[in-house]
C-alpha atoms as a PDB file:
ATOM      1  CA  UNK A   1       9.392  12.566  22.864  1.00  0.00           C
ATOM      2  CA  UNK A   2       6.129  14.216  21.837  1.00  0.00           C
ATOM      3  CA  UNK A   3       3.722  15.954  24.241  1.00  0.00           C
ATOM      4  CA  UNK A   4       1.222  13.111  23.775  1.00  0.00           C
ATOM      5  CA  UNK A   5       3.870  10.541  24.695  1.00  0.00           C
ATOM      6  CA  UNK A   6       4.767  12.485  27.840  1.00  0.00           C
ATOM      7  CA  UNK A   7       1.086  12.442  28.918  1.00  0.00           C
ATOM      8  CA  UNK A   8       0.797   8.730  28.080  1.00  0.00           C
ATOM      9  CA  UNK A   9       1.787   5.664  30.018  1.00  0.00           C
ATOM     10  CA  UNK A  10       2.558   2.044  29.279  1.00  0.00           C
ATOM     11  CA  UNK A  11      -0.359  -0.360  29.820  1.00  0.00           C
ATOM     12  CA  UNK A  12       0.200  -4.098  30.302  1.00  0.00           C
ATOM     13  CA  UNK A  13      -1.753  -6.008  27.653  1.00  0.00           C
ATOM     14  CA  UNK A  14      -0.835  -9.697  27.718  1.00  0.00           C
ATOM     15  CA  UNK A  15       1.967 -12.236  27.500  1.00  0.00           C
ATOM     16  CA  UNK A  16       3.622 -12.445  24.101  1.00  0.00           C
ATOM     17  CA  UNK A  17       3.527 -16.215  24.419  1.00  0.00           C
ATOM     18  CA  UNK A  18      -0.297 -15.990  24.631  1.00  0.00           C
ATOM     19  CA  UNK A  19      -0.381 -14.811  20.982  1.00  0.00           C
ATOM     20  CA  UNK A  20       0.781 -17.463  18.542  1.00  0.00           C
ATOM     21  CA  UNK A  21       1.929 -16.449  15.062  1.00  0.00           C
ATOM     22  CA  UNK A  22      -1.107 -15.456  13.020  1.00  0.00           C
ATOM     23  CA  UNK A  23      -3.314 -15.130  16.101  1.00  0.00           C
ATOM     24  CA  UNK A  24      -5.322 -12.048  17.119  1.00  0.00           C
ATOM     25  CA  UNK A  25      -7.017 -11.116  20.385  1.00  0.00           C
ATOM     26  CA  UNK A  26      -9.211  -8.253  21.535  1.00  0.00           C
ATOM     27  CA  UNK A  27      -8.553  -6.336  24.760  1.00  0.00           C
ATOM     28  CA  UNK A  28     -10.270  -3.463  26.564  1.00  0.00           C
ATOM     29  CA  UNK A  29      -7.878  -0.833  27.915  1.00  0.00           C
ATOM     30  CA  UNK A  30      -8.362   0.932  31.239  1.00  0.00           C
ATOM     31  CA  UNK A  31      -9.717   3.989  29.371  1.00  0.00           C
ATOM     32  CA  UNK A  32     -12.382   1.837  27.679  1.00  0.00           C
ATOM     33  CA  UNK A  33     -10.721   1.704  24.249  1.00  0.00           C
ATOM     34  CA  UNK A  34     -10.959  -1.652  22.485  1.00  0.00           C
ATOM     35  CA  UNK A  35      -7.710  -2.767  20.865  1.00  0.00           C
ATOM     36  CA  UNK A  36      -6.678  -5.654  18.674  1.00  0.00           C
ATOM     37  CA  UNK A  37      -3.324  -7.352  19.293  1.00  0.00           C
ATOM     38  CA  UNK A  38      -1.973  -9.382  16.386  1.00  0.00           C
ATOM     39  CA  UNK A  39       1.091 -11.583  16.052  1.00  0.00           C
ATOM     40  CA  UNK A  40       2.458 -11.096  12.529  1.00  0.00           C
ATOM     41  CA  UNK A  41       5.385 -13.485  12.041  1.00  0.00           C
ATOM     42  CA  UNK A  42       6.496 -13.066  15.656  1.00  0.00           C
ATOM     43  CA  UNK A  43       5.987  -9.283  15.779  1.00  0.00           C
ATOM     44  CA  UNK A  44       3.176  -8.018  18.020  1.00  0.00           C
ATOM     45  CA  UNK A  45       1.150  -5.174  16.521  1.00  0.00           C
ATOM     46  CA  UNK A  46      -1.699  -3.361  18.270  1.00  0.00           C
ATOM     47  CA  UNK A  47      -4.381  -1.266  16.569  1.00  0.00           C
ATOM     48  CA  UNK A  48      -7.851  -0.044  17.404  1.00  0.00           C
ATOM     49  CA  UNK A  49     -10.094  -3.088  17.602  1.00  0.00           C
ATOM     50  CA  UNK A  50     -13.114  -1.437  15.985  1.00  0.00           C
ATOM     51  CA  UNK A  51     -13.552  -0.831  12.246  1.00  0.00           C
ATOM     52  CA  UNK A  52     -13.760   2.880  11.446  1.00  0.00           C
ATOM     53  CA  UNK A  53     -16.507   2.280   8.905  1.00  0.00           C
ATOM     54  CA  UNK A  54     -19.334   0.652  10.896  1.00  0.00           C
ATOM     55  CA  UNK A  55     -17.864  -0.015  14.370  1.00  0.00           C
ATOM     56  CA  UNK A  56     -17.535  -3.786  13.831  1.00  0.00           C
ATOM     57  CA  UNK A  57     -15.125  -5.725  16.079  1.00  0.00           C
ATOM     58  CA  UNK A  58     -12.031  -6.528  14.025  1.00  0.00           C
ATOM     59  CA  UNK A  59     -11.222  -9.609  16.106  1.00  0.00           C
ATOM     60  CA  UNK A  60     -13.879 -11.228  13.873  1.00  0.00           C
ATOM     61  CA  UNK A  61     -11.913 -10.115  10.810  1.00  0.00           C
ATOM     62  CA  UNK A  62      -9.511 -11.987   8.576  1.00  0.00           C
ATOM     63  CA  UNK A  63      -5.766 -11.567   9.007  1.00  0.00           C
ATOM     64  CA  UNK A  64      -3.797 -11.646   5.752  1.00  0.00           C
ATOM     65  CA  UNK A  65      -0.107 -10.873   5.969  1.00  0.00           C
ATOM     66  CA  UNK A  66       0.196  -7.387   7.476  1.00  0.00           C
ATOM     67  CA  UNK A  67      -3.474  -6.427   7.118  1.00  0.00           C
ATOM     68  CA  UNK A  68      -6.777  -7.084   8.861  1.00  0.00           C
ATOM     69  CA  UNK A  69     -10.006  -7.232   6.862  1.00  0.00           C
ATOM     70  CA  UNK A  70     -13.307  -6.377   8.487  1.00  0.00           C
ATOM     71  CA  UNK A  71     -15.732  -9.143   7.575  1.00  0.00           C
ATOM     72  CA  UNK A  72     -18.758  -6.832   7.742  1.00  0.00           C
ATOM     73  CA  UNK A  73     -18.044  -4.754   4.591  1.00  0.00           C
ATOM     74  CA  UNK A  74     -14.547  -6.025   3.619  1.00  0.00           C
ATOM     75  CA  UNK A  75     -12.533  -2.912   4.451  1.00  0.00           C
ATOM     76  CA  UNK A  76      -8.889  -3.904   4.913  1.00  0.00           C
ATOM     77  CA  UNK A  77      -6.417  -1.977   7.069  1.00  0.00           C
ATOM     78  CA  UNK A  78      -2.612  -1.914   7.142  1.00  0.00           C
ATOM     79  CA  UNK A  79      -1.428  -2.978  10.611  1.00  0.00           C
ATOM     80  CA  UNK A  80       1.639  -0.695  10.586  1.00  0.00           C
ATOM     81  CA  UNK A  81       0.016   2.576   9.524  1.00  0.00           C
ATOM     82  CA  UNK A  82      -3.642   1.844  10.262  1.00  0.00           C
ATOM     83  CA  UNK A  83      -4.619   3.261   6.880  1.00  0.00           C
ATOM     84  CA  UNK A  84      -7.505   1.676   5.012  1.00  0.00           C
ATOM     85  CA  UNK A  85      -6.408  -0.350   1.998  1.00  0.00           C
ATOM     86  CA  UNK A  86      -9.881  -0.956   0.567  1.00  0.00           C
ATOM     87  CA  UNK A  87     -13.213   0.871   0.766  1.00  0.00           C
ATOM     88  CA  UNK A  88     -15.699   1.535   2.172  1.00  0.00           C
ATOM     89  CA  UNK A  89     -13.599   2.617   5.209  1.00  0.00           C
ATOM     90  CA  UNK A  90     -11.901   5.990   4.768  1.00  0.00           C
ATOM     91  CA  UNK A  91     -10.549   6.756   8.256  1.00  0.00           C
ATOM     92  CA  UNK A  92      -7.461   4.957   9.547  1.00  0.00           C
ATOM     93  CA  UNK A  93      -7.274   2.784  12.636  1.00  0.00           C
ATOM     94  CA  UNK A  94      -5.330   4.090  15.614  1.00  0.00           C
ATOM     95  CA  UNK A  95      -1.954   2.368  15.846  1.00  0.00           C
ATOM     96  CA  UNK A  96      -0.424   1.858  19.294  1.00  0.00           C
ATOM     97  CA  UNK A  97       3.267   1.798  20.147  1.00  0.00           C
ATOM     98  CA  UNK A  98       4.214  -1.616  21.495  1.00  0.00           C
ATOM     99  CA  UNK A  99       7.010  -2.531  23.873  1.00  0.00           C
ATOM    100  CA  UNK A 100       7.976  -6.087  24.797  1.00  0.00           C
ATOM    101  CA  UNK A 101       9.581  -6.594  28.224  1.00  0.00           C
ATOM    102  CA  UNK A 102      10.668 -10.198  28.620  1.00  0.00           C
ATOM    103  CA  UNK A 103       7.384 -11.963  27.692  1.00  0.00           C
ATOM    104  CA  UNK A 104       5.101  -9.039  28.606  1.00  0.00           C
ATOM    105  CA  UNK A 105       3.396  -6.883  25.958  1.00  0.00           C
ATOM    106  CA  UNK A 106       2.791  -3.224  26.816  1.00  0.00           C
ATOM    107  CA  UNK A 107       1.044  -0.534  24.746  1.00  0.00           C
ATOM    108  CA  UNK A 108       1.429   3.220  25.060  1.00  0.00           C
ATOM    109  CA  UNK A 109      -1.932   4.662  26.075  1.00  0.00           C
END
């Protein structure tokens, strides 16, 4: 376990059943961070909900396979690594560790 993980804690996000396959929802964490939860073929992935290029809410973006595309300037991001796949974005999205307990989705904050 890393030092950051030891300082972190698990934050309840939502019910897994509230996110259908291909659906995405935006949440605000207790620390004020905006995150995007996405159901990719039954797997819940959580990344920063704001594009690193121009601070646009990614919940308005287009989900294609394992990537989210910001509809403002068309930067696409990989949902596993957070890295930008297309310009103009250069900085990656933060990727959160996810844990499913029964039907509850938790993220490591």
